[in-house]
Amino acid sequence: MSAESNAVAPSTTLLIFAKAPIPGKVKTRLMPSLDAEQARDVHVALLERTLEIACRAFPATHVQLWAGLEPAHPTLEALTERHGIMHHAQPPGDLGQRMHTALAAQSGPALLIGSDCPVLTPMLLERCAQALDDHDLVLLPAEDGGYGLIGGHRLPQRLFADIPWGGSEVAARTLARAKGLGLRVACLDTVWDVDTPHDLERWRALDATT
């Protein structure tokens, strides 16, 4: 598949979870290396990149932004209007409950990502969507023990329950739970997010070589 072709099967939806860009509320682990406004700018740059990649892999009609903190923030509204994508407020609950609710709202297979994983590419997103042809669950484990993408067909709520969100065992616990539920799982790659000053330098170095 071409990375430029929006070639993902039209039944697959991509959901992007992102916080509104409020200084002091986003990318706080980059501070004090950056001030609150600079950390906010990094968050916005990562979100813009994520939306661009998403809309290269998927038709805009199958990309959705699920926003937290202040869902109607002007920057989020401008970005969704620019890309022609759907815009929702994140539902209540912990991260697992919010992810399950968003995924369960879809009529077909769906993938869910965050907004700060710079190694996601259109080709990798397409591969993840294709994996759902013969798997129940697709997961991209992250180097810090979390994951950068999860997706599937009507995933059971139990998959997201009682997970220590933000810890180093998120992916391992999720995979163990999936095995216990009898799900066929595809793990196509390991990814990393921009959370710390080291990650930020790594992203800048990556951008300099691409």
N, C-alpha and C. Protein backbone atom coordinates (compact mmCIF):
# COMPACT_ATOMS: atom_id res chain seq x y z
N MET A 1 0.82 -1.21 0.00
CA MET A 1 0.00 0.00 0.00
C MET A 1 0.86 1.25 0.00
N SER A 2 0.39 2.23 -0.70
CA SER A 2 1.08 3.52 -0.67
C SER A 2 0.78 4.24 0.62
N ALA A 3 1.82 4.89 1.20
CA ALA A 3 1.61 5.66 2.43
C ALA A 3 0.82 6.93 2.17
N GLU A 4 0.62 7.27 0.89
CA GLU A 4 -0.07 8.52 0.56
C GLU A 4 -1.49 8.29 0.08
N SER A 5 -2.01 7.03 0.10
CA SER A 5 -3.19 6.71 -0.67
C SER A 5 -4.49 6.67 0.11
N ASN A 6 -4.49 6.89 1.43
CA ASN A 6 -5.69 6.70 2.23
C ASN A 6 -6.30 5.34 1.93
N ALA A 7 -5.42 4.29 1.95
CA ALA A 7 -5.82 2.98 1.44
C ALA A 7 -6.38 2.05 2.50
N VAL A 8 -6.56 2.51 3.72
CA VAL A 8 -7.12 1.67 4.76
C VAL A 8 -8.56 1.30 4.40
N ALA A 9 -8.94 0.07 4.74
CA ALA A 9 -10.31 -0.36 4.48
C ALA A 9 -11.29 0.65 5.06
N PRO A 10 -12.32 1.04 4.29
CA PRO A 10 -13.21 2.12 4.72
C PRO A 10 -13.98 1.82 5.99
N SER A 11 -14.04 0.56 6.43
CA SER A 11 -14.76 0.24 7.66
C SER A 11 -13.94 0.54 8.90
N THR A 12 -12.64 0.76 8.76
CA THR A 12 -11.77 0.97 9.91
C THR A 12 -11.73 2.46 10.28
N THR A 13 -11.84 2.73 11.58
CA THR A 13 -11.82 4.10 12.07
C THR A 13 -10.60 4.30 12.95
N LEU A 14 -9.98 5.47 12.86
CA LEU A 14 -8.84 5.82 13.71
C LEU A 14 -9.28 6.89 14.70
N LEU A 15 -9.10 6.60 15.98
CA LEU A 15 -9.42 7.54 17.04
C LEU A 15 -8.13 8.10 17.63
N ILE A 16 -8.09 9.40 17.85
CA ILE A 16 -6.92 10.06 18.43
C ILE A 16 -7.34 10.69 19.75
N PHE A 17 -6.71 10.27 20.83
CA PHE A 17 -6.95 10.86 22.14
C PHE A 17 -5.94 11.98 22.35
N ALA A 18 -6.42 13.16 22.71
CA ALA A 18 -5.52 14.29 22.94
C ALA A 18 -6.13 15.25 23.95
N LYS A 19 -5.27 15.87 24.75
CA LYS A 19 -5.71 16.91 25.66
C LYS A 19 -5.74 18.26 24.94
N ALA A 20 -6.59 19.13 25.41
CA ALA A 20 -6.58 20.51 24.93
C ALA A 20 -5.23 21.14 25.32
N PRO A 21 -4.68 22.00 24.45
CA PRO A 21 -3.35 22.58 24.71
C PRO A 21 -3.39 23.72 25.72
N ILE A 22 -3.53 23.37 26.98
CA ILE A 22 -3.60 24.37 28.06
C ILE A 22 -2.24 24.40 28.77
N PRO A 23 -1.56 25.53 28.77
CA PRO A 23 -0.25 25.61 29.45
C PRO A 23 -0.34 25.16 30.90
N GLY A 24 0.63 24.35 31.30
CA GLY A 24 0.65 23.84 32.66
C GLY A 24 -0.14 22.56 32.84
N LYS A 25 -0.90 22.14 31.79
CA LYS A 25 -1.71 20.93 31.86
C LYS A 25 -1.24 19.86 30.88
N VAL A 26 -0.35 20.22 29.97
CA VAL A 26 0.12 19.26 28.96
C VAL A 26 1.64 19.23 28.96
N LYS A 27 2.18 18.04 28.70
CA LYS A 27 3.63 17.83 28.61
C LYS A 27 4.36 18.39 29.83
N THR A 28 3.79 18.17 31.00
CA THR A 28 4.39 18.73 32.22
C THR A 28 5.73 18.07 32.57
N ARG A 29 5.98 16.86 32.06
CA ARG A 29 7.26 16.21 32.34
C ARG A 29 8.41 16.85 31.56
N LEU A 30 8.09 17.73 30.63
CA LEU A 30 9.13 18.49 29.92
C LEU A 30 9.59 19.70 30.72
N MET A 31 8.88 20.02 31.78
CA MET A 31 9.24 21.15 32.62
C MET A 31 10.06 20.64 33.82
N PRO A 32 11.06 21.37 34.32
CA PRO A 32 11.35 22.78 34.01
C PRO A 32 12.32 23.00 32.85
N SER A 33 12.68 21.94 32.10
CA SER A 33 13.54 22.18 30.93
C SER A 33 12.88 23.16 29.97
N LEU A 34 11.57 23.11 29.88
CA LEU A 34 10.78 24.07 29.11
C LEU A 34 9.82 24.77 30.06
N ASP A 35 9.41 25.98 29.71
CA ASP A 35 8.35 26.60 30.50
C ASP A 35 7.00 26.07 30.02
N ALA A 36 5.93 26.48 30.69
CA ALA A 36 4.62 25.92 30.39
C ALA A 36 4.16 26.22 28.97
N GLU A 37 4.46 27.42 28.47
CA GLU A 37 4.07 27.78 27.10
C GLU A 37 4.84 26.95 26.08
N GLN A 38 6.14 26.75 26.32
CA GLN A 38 6.94 25.95 25.39
C GLN A 38 6.48 24.49 25.39
N ALA A 39 6.15 23.97 26.56
CA ALA A 39 5.65 22.60 26.64
C ALA A 39 4.33 22.48 25.88
N ARG A 40 3.48 23.51 26.02
CA ARG A 40 2.23 23.53 25.26
C ARG A 40 2.50 23.51 23.76
N ASP A 41 3.50 24.28 23.32
CA ASP A 41 3.82 24.33 21.89
C ASP A 41 4.30 22.97 21.37
N VAL A 42 5.05 22.24 22.19
CA VAL A 42 5.47 20.89 21.81
C VAL A 42 4.25 19.99 21.65
N HIS A 43 3.33 20.09 22.59
CA HIS A 43 2.10 19.31 22.52
C HIS A 43 1.33 19.58 21.23
N VAL A 44 1.20 20.85 20.88
CA VAL A 44 0.48 21.22 19.66
C VAL A 44 1.21 20.70 18.42
N ALA A 45 2.53 20.82 18.39
CA ALA A 45 3.30 20.34 17.24
C ALA A 45 3.14 18.84 17.07
N LEU A 46 3.17 18.11 18.16
CA LEU A 46 2.98 16.66 18.09
C LEU A 46 1.57 16.32 17.61
N LEU A 47 0.58 17.04 18.10
CA LEU A 47 -0.79 16.79 17.68
C LEU A 47 -0.97 17.09 16.20
N GLU A 48 -0.41 18.20 15.73
CA GLU A 48 -0.51 18.53 14.31
C GLU A 48 0.12 17.43 13.45
N ARG A 49 1.29 16.94 13.89
CA ARG A 49 1.94 15.86 13.15
C ARG A 49 1.07 14.61 13.14
N THR A 50 0.50 14.27 14.28
CA THR A 50 -0.34 13.08 14.37
C THR A 50 -1.54 13.17 13.45
N LEU A 51 -2.18 14.32 13.40
CA LEU A 51 -3.34 14.49 12.52
C LEU A 51 -2.95 14.38 11.05
N GLU A 52 -1.80 14.93 10.69
CA GLU A 52 -1.34 14.84 9.31
C GLU A 52 -1.08 13.39 8.92
N ILE A 53 -0.41 12.65 9.79
CA ILE A 53 -0.13 11.24 9.52
C ILE A 53 -1.42 10.45 9.43
N ALA A 54 -2.34 10.71 10.35
CA ALA A 54 -3.61 10.00 10.37
C ALA A 54 -4.38 10.19 9.07
N CYS A 55 -4.41 11.43 8.59
CA CYS A 55 -5.20 11.72 7.39
C CYS A 55 -4.49 11.32 6.11
N ARG A 56 -3.24 10.94 6.19
CA ARG A 56 -2.57 10.32 5.05
C ARG A 56 -2.87 8.82 4.98
N ALA A 57 -3.15 8.22 6.12
CA ALA A 57 -3.42 6.78 6.15
C ALA A 57 -4.90 6.46 6.02
N PHE A 58 -5.75 7.34 6.53
CA PHE A 58 -7.19 7.10 6.57
C PHE A 58 -7.94 8.23 5.86
N PRO A 59 -9.10 7.93 5.27
CA PRO A 59 -9.96 9.02 4.82
C PRO A 59 -10.34 9.90 6.01
N ALA A 60 -10.43 11.19 5.80
CA ALA A 60 -10.76 12.10 6.90
C ALA A 60 -12.07 11.72 7.57
N THR A 61 -12.99 11.13 6.82
CA THR A 61 -14.28 10.73 7.39
C THR A 61 -14.14 9.59 8.39
N HIS A 62 -12.96 8.95 8.43
CA HIS A 62 -12.74 7.85 9.35
C HIS A 62 -11.65 8.18 10.37
N VAL A 63 -11.43 9.47 10.61
CA VAL A 63 -10.51 9.92 11.65
C VAL A 63 -11.32 10.75 12.64
N GLN A 64 -11.12 10.48 13.92
CA GLN A 64 -11.85 11.20 14.96
C GLN A 64 -10.88 11.68 16.04
N LEU A 65 -11.03 12.92 16.46
CA LEU A 65 -10.28 13.44 17.59
C LEU A 65 -11.18 13.40 18.82
N TRP A 66 -10.70 12.73 19.86
CA TRP A 66 -11.41 12.66 21.14
C TRP A 66 -10.62 13.51 22.13
N ALA A 67 -11.20 14.62 22.54
CA ALA A 67 -10.46 15.64 23.28
C ALA A 67 -10.78 15.61 24.77
N GLY A 68 -9.72 15.84 25.57
CA GLY A 68 -9.87 15.94 27.01
C GLY A 68 -9.53 17.33 27.51
N LEU A 69 -9.77 17.57 28.79
CA LEU A 69 -9.54 18.83 29.50
C LEU A 69 -10.56 19.89 29.09
N GLU A 70 -10.44 20.39 27.87
CA GLU A 70 -11.36 21.44 27.38
C GLU A 70 -11.68 21.10 25.92
N PRO A 71 -12.64 20.20 25.71
CA PRO A 71 -12.88 19.66 24.37
C PRO A 71 -13.15 20.71 23.29
N ALA A 72 -13.76 21.83 23.66
CA ALA A 72 -14.09 22.86 22.67
C ALA A 72 -13.01 23.91 22.53
N HIS A 73 -11.79 23.60 22.95
CA HIS A 73 -10.68 24.57 22.86
C HIS A 73 -10.53 25.05 21.42
N PRO A 74 -10.33 26.34 21.20
CA PRO A 74 -10.24 26.88 19.82
C PRO A 74 -9.18 26.20 18.95
N THR A 75 -8.03 25.85 19.53
CA THR A 75 -6.99 25.19 18.72
C THR A 75 -7.47 23.84 18.22
N LEU A 76 -8.16 23.08 19.06
CA LEU A 76 -8.67 21.78 18.63
C LEU A 76 -9.75 21.95 17.57
N GLU A 77 -10.62 22.93 17.76
CA GLU A 77 -11.67 23.15 16.76
C GLU A 77 -11.08 23.56 15.42
N ALA A 78 -10.02 24.38 15.45
CA ALA A 78 -9.38 24.80 14.21
C ALA A 78 -8.72 23.63 13.51
N LEU A 79 -8.06 22.77 14.27
CA LEU A 79 -7.37 21.63 13.67
C LEU A 79 -8.37 20.64 13.07
N THR A 80 -9.45 20.36 13.76
CA THR A 80 -10.42 19.41 13.22
C THR A 80 -11.11 19.99 11.98
N GLU A 81 -11.36 21.28 12.00
CA GLU A 81 -11.96 21.91 10.81
C GLU A 81 -11.00 21.86 9.64
N ARG A 82 -9.71 22.12 9.89
CA ARG A 82 -8.71 22.10 8.82
C ARG A 82 -8.63 20.74 8.16
N HIS A 83 -8.69 19.68 8.95
CA HIS A 83 -8.54 18.33 8.42
C HIS A 83 -9.87 17.68 8.03
N GLY A 84 -10.98 18.30 8.40
CA GLY A 84 -12.28 17.75 8.06
C GLY A 84 -12.62 16.48 8.80
N ILE A 85 -12.21 16.41 10.07
CA ILE A 85 -12.43 15.19 10.85
C ILE A 85 -13.45 15.44 11.96
N MET A 86 -13.97 14.36 12.51
CA MET A 86 -14.94 14.45 13.60
C MET A 86 -14.22 14.78 14.91
N HIS A 87 -14.96 15.44 15.79
CA HIS A 87 -14.39 15.97 17.04
C HIS A 87 -15.37 15.64 18.16
N HIS A 88 -14.87 14.88 19.16
CA HIS A 88 -15.71 14.48 20.29
C HIS A 88 -15.04 14.86 21.60
N ALA A 89 -15.85 15.01 22.63
CA ALA A 89 -15.33 15.12 23.99
C ALA A 89 -15.07 13.72 24.52
N GLN A 90 -13.96 13.55 25.23
CA GLN A 90 -13.71 12.26 25.85
C GLN A 90 -14.78 11.99 26.91
N PRO A 91 -15.21 10.74 27.02
CA PRO A 91 -16.21 10.40 28.03
C PRO A 91 -15.60 10.39 29.42
N PRO A 92 -16.41 10.30 30.46
CA PRO A 92 -15.88 10.25 31.82
C PRO A 92 -15.24 8.90 32.13
N GLY A 93 -14.50 8.86 33.25
CA GLY A 93 -13.90 7.61 33.70
C GLY A 93 -12.39 7.66 33.63
N ASP A 94 -11.75 6.57 34.09
CA ASP A 94 -10.29 6.50 33.97
C ASP A 94 -9.92 6.24 32.51
N LEU A 95 -8.63 6.19 32.23
CA LEU A 95 -8.20 6.07 30.83
C LEU A 95 -8.78 4.83 30.17
N GLY A 96 -8.78 3.71 30.88
CA GLY A 96 -9.31 2.48 30.30
C GLY A 96 -10.79 2.60 29.97
N GLN A 97 -11.56 3.20 30.87
CA GLN A 97 -12.99 3.38 30.61
C GLN A 97 -13.22 4.31 29.43
N ARG A 98 -12.42 5.37 29.35
CA ARG A 98 -12.58 6.32 28.24
C ARG A 98 -12.23 5.68 26.90
N MET A 99 -11.15 4.91 26.88
CA MET A 99 -10.76 4.25 25.63
C MET A 99 -11.81 3.23 25.21
N HIS A 100 -12.27 2.43 26.16
CA HIS A 100 -13.26 1.41 25.80
C HIS A 100 -14.55 2.06 25.28
N THR A 101 -15.00 3.12 25.93
CA THR A 101 -16.23 3.80 25.49
C THR A 101 -16.08 4.34 24.08
N ALA A 102 -14.94 4.96 23.79
CA ALA A 102 -14.72 5.52 22.45
C ALA A 102 -14.66 4.42 21.39
N LEU A 103 -13.95 3.34 21.69
CA LEU A 103 -13.85 2.24 20.74
C LEU A 103 -15.20 1.55 20.54
N ALA A 104 -15.94 1.37 21.63
CA ALA A 104 -17.23 0.69 21.56
C ALA A 104 -18.27 1.51 20.80
N ALA A 105 -18.05 2.81 20.66
CA ALA A 105 -18.99 3.67 19.94
C ALA A 105 -18.90 3.50 18.42
N GLN A 106 -17.89 2.77 17.96
CA GLN A 106 -17.68 2.61 16.52
C GLN A 106 -18.47 1.41 15.99
N SER A 107 -18.92 1.50 14.76
CA SER A 107 -19.73 0.43 14.18
C SER A 107 -18.89 -0.70 13.59
N GLY A 108 -17.59 -0.44 13.41
CA GLY A 108 -16.71 -1.45 12.84
C GLY A 108 -15.39 -1.47 13.56
N PRO A 109 -14.38 -2.11 12.98
CA PRO A 109 -13.06 -2.15 13.62
C PRO A 109 -12.49 -0.75 13.79
N ALA A 110 -11.72 -0.57 14.86
CA ALA A 110 -11.18 0.76 15.15
C ALA A 110 -9.81 0.64 15.78
N LEU A 111 -8.97 1.66 15.55
CA LEU A 111 -7.67 1.81 16.17
C LEU A 111 -7.71 3.07 17.02
N LEU A 112 -6.95 3.08 18.12
CA LEU A 112 -6.89 4.25 18.98
C LEU A 112 -5.44 4.56 19.30
N ILE A 113 -5.06 5.82 19.12
CA ILE A 113 -3.70 6.28 19.40
C ILE A 113 -3.76 7.54 20.25
N GLY A 114 -2.61 7.91 20.81
CA GLY A 114 -2.46 9.20 21.45
C GLY A 114 -1.95 10.22 20.44
N SER A 115 -1.45 11.34 20.93
CA SER A 115 -1.02 12.40 20.02
C SER A 115 0.46 12.70 20.12
N ASP A 116 1.23 11.84 20.82
CA ASP A 116 2.63 12.20 21.07
C ASP A 116 3.61 11.09 20.72
N CYS A 117 3.27 10.29 19.71
CA CYS A 117 4.14 9.18 19.28
C CYS A 117 4.71 9.50 17.90
N PRO A 118 5.91 10.07 17.81
CA PRO A 118 6.42 10.56 16.53
C PRO A 118 6.89 9.48 15.57
N VAL A 119 6.94 8.23 16.00
CA VAL A 119 7.38 7.17 15.10
C VAL A 119 6.22 6.48 14.40
N LEU A 120 5.00 6.90 14.66
CA LEU A 120 3.88 6.39 13.88
C LEU A 120 3.96 6.94 12.46
N THR A 121 3.71 6.10 11.49
CA THR A 121 3.73 6.48 10.09
C THR A 121 2.44 6.01 9.42
N PRO A 122 2.10 6.58 8.26
CA PRO A 122 0.93 6.06 7.56
C PRO A 122 1.03 4.57 7.27
N MET A 123 2.22 4.12 6.87
CA MET A 123 2.38 2.70 6.56
C MET A 123 2.15 1.81 7.78
N LEU A 124 2.66 2.24 8.94
CA LEU A 124 2.47 1.45 10.16
C LEU A 124 0.99 1.43 10.54
N LEU A 125 0.30 2.56 10.43
CA LEU A 125 -1.13 2.58 10.73
C LEU A 125 -1.89 1.68 9.77
N GLU A 126 -1.52 1.67 8.51
CA GLU A 126 -2.17 0.80 7.54
C GLU A 126 -1.95 -0.67 7.89
N ARG A 127 -0.73 -1.00 8.30
CA ARG A 127 -0.43 -2.38 8.69
C ARG A 127 -1.26 -2.80 9.90
N CYS A 128 -1.44 -1.89 10.84
CA CYS A 128 -2.25 -2.20 12.01
C CYS A 128 -3.71 -2.46 11.61
N ALA A 129 -4.24 -1.64 10.70
CA ALA A 129 -5.60 -1.86 10.24
C ALA A 129 -5.71 -3.20 9.50
N GLN A 130 -4.73 -3.52 8.68
CA GLN A 130 -4.74 -4.79 7.96
C GLN A 130 -4.68 -5.98 8.91
N ALA A 131 -3.95 -5.83 10.02
CA ALA A 131 -3.82 -6.93 10.97
C ALA A 131 -5.16 -7.36 11.54
N LEU A 132 -6.13 -6.45 11.54
CA LEU A 132 -7.45 -6.79 12.08
C LEU A 132 -8.24 -7.69 11.15
N ASP A 133 -7.71 -7.96 9.95
CA ASP A 133 -8.36 -8.92 9.06
C ASP A 133 -8.33 -10.32 9.66
N ASP A 134 -7.27 -10.64 10.42
CA ASP A 134 -7.16 -11.99 10.98
C ASP A 134 -6.72 -12.01 12.44
N HIS A 135 -6.90 -10.88 13.14
CA HIS A 135 -6.63 -10.81 14.58
C HIS A 135 -7.78 -10.06 15.25
N ASP A 136 -7.97 -10.35 16.53
CA ASP A 136 -8.99 -9.65 17.30
C ASP A 136 -8.47 -8.34 17.87
N LEU A 137 -7.17 -8.29 18.14
CA LEU A 137 -6.56 -7.15 18.82
C LEU A 137 -5.21 -6.85 18.19
N VAL A 138 -4.94 -5.57 17.97
CA VAL A 138 -3.61 -5.14 17.53
C VAL A 138 -3.09 -4.15 18.56
N LEU A 139 -1.79 -4.30 18.88
CA LEU A 139 -1.18 -3.48 19.92
C LEU A 139 0.22 -3.09 19.49
N LEU A 140 0.60 -1.83 19.74
CA LEU A 140 1.97 -1.40 19.54
C LEU A 140 2.56 -1.08 20.90
N PRO A 141 3.29 -2.02 21.51
CA PRO A 141 3.90 -1.75 22.82
C PRO A 141 4.87 -0.58 22.73
N ALA A 142 4.98 0.16 23.83
CA ALA A 142 5.91 1.28 23.90
C ALA A 142 7.11 0.91 24.76
N GLU A 143 8.21 1.58 24.52
CA GLU A 143 9.45 1.28 25.24
C GLU A 143 9.31 1.48 26.74
N ASP A 144 8.40 2.37 27.17
CA ASP A 144 8.26 2.65 28.60
C ASP A 144 7.30 1.69 29.29
N GLY A 145 6.81 0.69 28.56
CA GLY A 145 5.91 -0.29 29.16
C GLY A 145 4.44 -0.06 28.88
N GLY A 146 4.13 1.08 28.29
CA GLY A 146 2.75 1.34 27.88
C GLY A 146 2.53 0.84 26.46
N TYR A 147 1.60 1.48 25.77
CA TYR A 147 1.44 1.17 24.34
C TYR A 147 1.04 2.44 23.60
N GLY A 148 1.43 2.46 22.30
CA GLY A 148 1.16 3.63 21.48
C GLY A 148 -0.06 3.50 20.61
N LEU A 149 -0.61 2.27 20.52
CA LEU A 149 -1.80 2.03 19.70
C LEU A 149 -2.47 0.78 20.22
N ILE A 150 -3.79 0.80 20.24
CA ILE A 150 -4.59 -0.39 20.51
C ILE A 150 -5.77 -0.36 19.56
N GLY A 151 -6.20 -1.51 19.13
CA GLY A 151 -7.35 -1.56 18.23
C GLY A 151 -7.93 -2.95 18.14
N GLY A 152 -9.13 -3.02 17.61
CA GLY A 152 -9.75 -4.33 17.47
C GLY A 152 -11.18 -4.25 17.02
N HIS A 153 -11.86 -5.39 17.19
CA HIS A 153 -13.27 -5.54 16.84
C HIS A 153 -14.06 -5.69 18.14
N ARG A 154 -14.81 -4.67 18.54
CA ARG A 154 -15.67 -4.77 19.72
C ARG A 154 -14.92 -5.37 20.90
N LEU A 155 -13.85 -4.76 21.29
CA LEU A 155 -13.01 -5.28 22.36
C LEU A 155 -13.76 -5.31 23.68
N PRO A 156 -13.60 -6.38 24.46
CA PRO A 156 -14.33 -6.49 25.72
C PRO A 156 -13.87 -5.47 26.75
N GLN A 157 -14.80 -5.00 27.55
CA GLN A 157 -14.47 -4.01 28.57
C GLN A 157 -13.43 -4.55 29.55
N ARG A 158 -13.46 -5.84 29.80
CA ARG A 158 -12.53 -6.45 30.75
C ARG A 158 -11.08 -6.21 30.34
N LEU A 159 -10.82 -6.04 29.05
CA LEU A 159 -9.46 -5.81 28.58
C LEU A 159 -8.86 -4.53 29.16
N PHE A 160 -9.71 -3.58 29.51
CA PHE A 160 -9.25 -2.26 29.96
C PHE A 160 -9.42 -2.05 31.47
N ALA A 161 -9.93 -3.05 32.17
CA ALA A 161 -10.24 -2.88 33.58
C ALA A 161 -9.05 -3.24 34.47
N ASP A 162 -8.91 -2.49 35.55
CA ASP A 162 -7.89 -2.79 36.57
C ASP A 162 -6.47 -2.82 36.00
N ILE A 163 -6.17 -1.88 35.13
CA ILE A 163 -4.83 -1.73 34.56
C ILE A 163 -4.18 -0.53 35.26
N PRO A 164 -2.91 -0.63 35.69
CA PRO A 164 -2.24 0.50 36.36
C PRO A 164 -1.78 1.54 35.34
N TRP A 165 -2.70 2.37 34.86
CA TRP A 165 -2.40 3.34 33.81
C TRP A 165 -1.27 4.27 34.23
N GLY A 166 -0.34 4.48 33.30
CA GLY A 166 0.81 5.33 33.57
C GLY A 166 2.00 4.57 34.11
N GLY A 167 1.84 3.31 34.43
CA GLY A 167 2.94 2.50 34.95
C GLY A 167 3.67 1.76 33.85
N SER A 168 4.64 0.98 34.26
CA SER A 168 5.50 0.29 33.29
C SER A 168 4.98 -1.10 32.91
N GLU A 169 3.80 -1.48 33.43
CA GLU A 169 3.26 -2.82 33.16
C GLU A 169 1.99 -2.78 32.32
N VAL A 170 1.69 -1.63 31.74
CA VAL A 170 0.41 -1.49 31.02
C VAL A 170 0.32 -2.47 29.86
N ALA A 171 1.32 -2.50 29.00
CA ALA A 171 1.28 -3.40 27.84
C ALA A 171 1.31 -4.85 28.28
N ALA A 172 2.17 -5.19 29.23
CA ALA A 172 2.28 -6.57 29.69
C ALA A 172 0.97 -7.05 30.30
N ARG A 173 0.36 -6.21 31.14
CA ARG A 173 -0.93 -6.59 31.75
C ARG A 173 -2.01 -6.74 30.68
N THR A 174 -2.01 -5.83 29.71
CA THR A 174 -3.02 -5.89 28.65
C THR A 174 -2.85 -7.15 27.82
N LEU A 175 -1.62 -7.50 27.49
CA LEU A 175 -1.39 -8.71 26.70
C LEU A 175 -1.76 -9.96 27.48
N ALA A 176 -1.44 -9.97 28.77
CA ALA A 176 -1.82 -11.12 29.60
C ALA A 176 -3.34 -11.24 29.67
N ARG A 177 -4.02 -10.11 29.82
CA ARG A 177 -5.49 -10.12 29.87
C ARG A 177 -6.06 -10.61 28.54
N ALA A 178 -5.48 -10.14 27.43
CA ALA A 178 -5.95 -10.57 26.11
C ALA A 178 -5.80 -12.08 25.94
N LYS A 179 -4.68 -12.61 26.40
CA LYS A 179 -4.46 -14.06 26.32
C LYS A 179 -5.51 -14.80 27.13
N GLY A 180 -5.79 -14.30 28.34
CA GLY A 180 -6.81 -14.92 29.17
C GLY A 180 -8.20 -14.87 28.56
N LEU A 181 -8.47 -13.85 27.75
CA LEU A 181 -9.76 -13.72 27.08
C LEU A 181 -9.82 -14.48 25.77
N GLY A 182 -8.71 -15.09 25.39
CA GLY A 182 -8.67 -15.88 24.16
C GLY A 182 -8.61 -15.05 22.88
N LEU A 183 -8.10 -13.82 22.98
CA LEU A 183 -8.03 -12.95 21.80
C LEU A 183 -6.80 -13.26 20.96
N ARG A 184 -6.95 -13.19 19.66
CA ARG A 184 -5.81 -13.32 18.74
C ARG A 184 -5.15 -11.95 18.62
N VAL A 185 -3.87 -11.84 19.01
CA VAL A 185 -3.20 -10.56 19.16
C VAL A 185 -2.06 -10.40 18.15
N ALA A 186 -1.98 -9.21 17.54
CA ALA A 186 -0.85 -8.84 16.68
C ALA A 186 -0.10 -7.68 17.32
N CYS A 187 1.21 -7.85 17.52
CA CYS A 187 2.09 -6.77 17.99
C CYS A 187 3.10 -6.52 16.88
N LEU A 188 2.91 -5.45 16.13
CA LEU A 188 3.67 -5.27 14.90
C LEU A 188 4.97 -4.51 15.08
N ASP A 189 5.10 -3.72 16.14
CA ASP A 189 6.31 -2.92 16.32
C ASP A 189 6.32 -2.38 17.73
N THR A 190 7.48 -1.89 18.17
CA THR A 190 7.61 -1.20 19.44
C THR A 190 7.84 0.28 19.16
N VAL A 191 7.16 1.15 19.88
CA VAL A 191 7.20 2.59 19.60
C VAL A 191 7.63 3.34 20.86
N TRP A 192 7.74 4.66 20.76
CA TRP A 192 8.04 5.49 21.92
C TRP A 192 7.32 6.83 21.80
N ASP A 193 7.04 7.42 22.95
CA ASP A 193 6.34 8.70 23.04
C ASP A 193 7.29 9.81 23.47
N VAL A 194 6.87 11.04 23.27
CA VAL A 194 7.62 12.19 23.76
C VAL A 194 7.05 12.59 25.11
N ASP A 195 7.74 12.18 26.17
CA ASP A 195 7.31 12.49 27.52
C ASP A 195 8.34 13.30 28.30
N THR A 196 9.62 13.04 28.07
CA THR A 196 10.70 13.64 28.86
C THR A 196 11.60 14.50 27.96
N PRO A 197 12.48 15.32 28.55
CA PRO A 197 13.42 16.09 27.74
C PRO A 197 14.27 15.20 26.83
N HIS A 198 14.65 14.02 27.30
CA HIS A 198 15.41 13.09 26.45
C HIS A 198 14.59 12.69 25.22
N ASP A 199 13.29 12.40 25.44
CA ASP A 199 12.43 12.03 24.31
C ASP A 199 12.32 13.18 23.31
N LEU A 200 12.26 14.41 23.83
CA LEU A 200 12.15 15.57 22.95
C LEU A 200 13.38 15.69 22.06
N GLU A 201 14.56 15.50 22.65
CA GLU A 201 15.79 15.53 21.85
C GLU A 201 15.80 14.40 20.83
N ARG A 202 15.30 13.27 21.22
CA ARG A 202 15.23 12.12 20.29
C ARG A 202 14.31 12.44 19.12
N TRP A 203 13.18 13.09 19.40
CA TRP A 203 12.27 13.47 18.32
C TRP A 203 12.92 14.49 17.39
N ARG A 204 13.61 15.47 17.96
CA ARG A 204 14.27 16.47 17.12
C ARG A 204 15.33 15.82 16.24
N ALA A 205 16.06 14.86 16.79
CA ALA A 205 17.08 14.15 16.00
C ALA A 205 16.41 13.33 14.89
N LEU A 206 15.27 12.72 15.22
CA LEU A 206 14.54 11.94 14.21
C LEU A 206 14.07 12.83 13.08
N ASP A 207 13.51 13.99 13.42
CA ASP A 207 13.04 14.92 12.40
C ASP A 207 14.18 15.41 11.52
N ALA A 208 15.36 15.57 12.12
CA ALA A 208 16.52 16.08 11.36
C ALA A 208 17.00 15.08 10.31
N THR A 209 16.63 13.80 10.49
CA THR A 209 17.11 12.78 9.56
C THR A 209 16.03 12.33 8.57
N THR A 210 14.83 12.91 8.68
CA THR A 210 13.74 12.50 7.78
C THR A 210 13.27 13.66 6.93
